[in-house]
Amino acid sequence: MYIEDFESFYQQAEALYRSRPLETRYCIKYRNCDGVLALKVTDDVKCLQYKTDQQSDLRKLERINNLFMALAAGNEELAAESHQQGQQQQQQHQQQKQSQQKQQQQQPQPEAKGKGKGRKKG
């Protein structure tokens, strides 16, 4: 099953790893012909997948990669730090989106030209 929201995928993947660390593995696959990056986390019982074609999502890949490396190395502090950094990045991204939306709303919209206006039929 593909999960649409990365944050949901991240949380479920972390929970899956913490519940069965010896059985859980993850795979990263990039298809150049499609420009699609796919992440898969599974413990052979449950399979979580996330797919994106956005280049901006590469930071998300780095974030989950850091999490799994820290957890696999047994470094809980580093895993918690990675989680906090991810939350901060998400908040910054949301703030940037909101400010862009406000800027777009404040810009005057050009007037649409109607069909046939200014022409006289004769």
Foldseek 3Di string as FASTA:
>chain_A
DEDEDLVVLLVVLVVVCVVPVVQKDKDWDADPVVQKIKIWIDSPVDIYMYMDNDPVCVVVVVLSVQLNVCVVVVNVVSNVVSVVVVVVVVVVVVVVVVVVVVVVVPDDDDDDDDPPPPDDDD
